[in-house]
Amino acid sequence: MIDIYCERNGPAFWSEPVNALTNLSFFAAFLLLVPVLRRHWPALSNANRVVSMVLMVLLLAICIGSFAFHTLASKPAMLADIIPISLFQLVFLAAYMRLAMGLGRLKVIAAMSAFFACGALCSALPIALNGSQTYIAALVFLSILATSHYGHS
């Protein structure tokens, strides 16, 4: 059993009820996005369609994987939680820079390289965030992209 959250009170399936149940928000987001995606589908480019579908699948995978991790607390369930979240971050950030901001491939590759470096540095931080310090890089990059995109629009 992996016990890195203060909510976990034992090895039983429902030993992290709040963390487990909050994963329904990912499913709710998926359900809310389906009609939006359907409405905009005809106007989307092929690249935007592919990215949208990949992100939707990853959203469902996050829901399932995170629910598994917060109920089973096993190493495979932890990977089912971490991998879809990481992939969602990578796909979203790269697609946002390329498709929404119109950055060229080399700039996107350079930015994603910086993202990986920032993630590696953040994961080595000596702070007690139960492994969540790796998400600091995503927060930093989302802030940079939002500021940068706001300044260009």
Foldseek 3Di string as FASTA:
>chain_A
DADQDPQQDDQAQCSNVVQLVVLVVLVVVLVVCVVVCVVCVVVDDPVVVVLVVLLSVLSVQLSVLSNCCSRRVDPVSVCSNPVSVVVNLLSVQLCCCCPVVVDDPVVSVVVVVVLVVCLVVQQPDPDRPSSCSSCVSSVVSVVVVVVVSVVVD
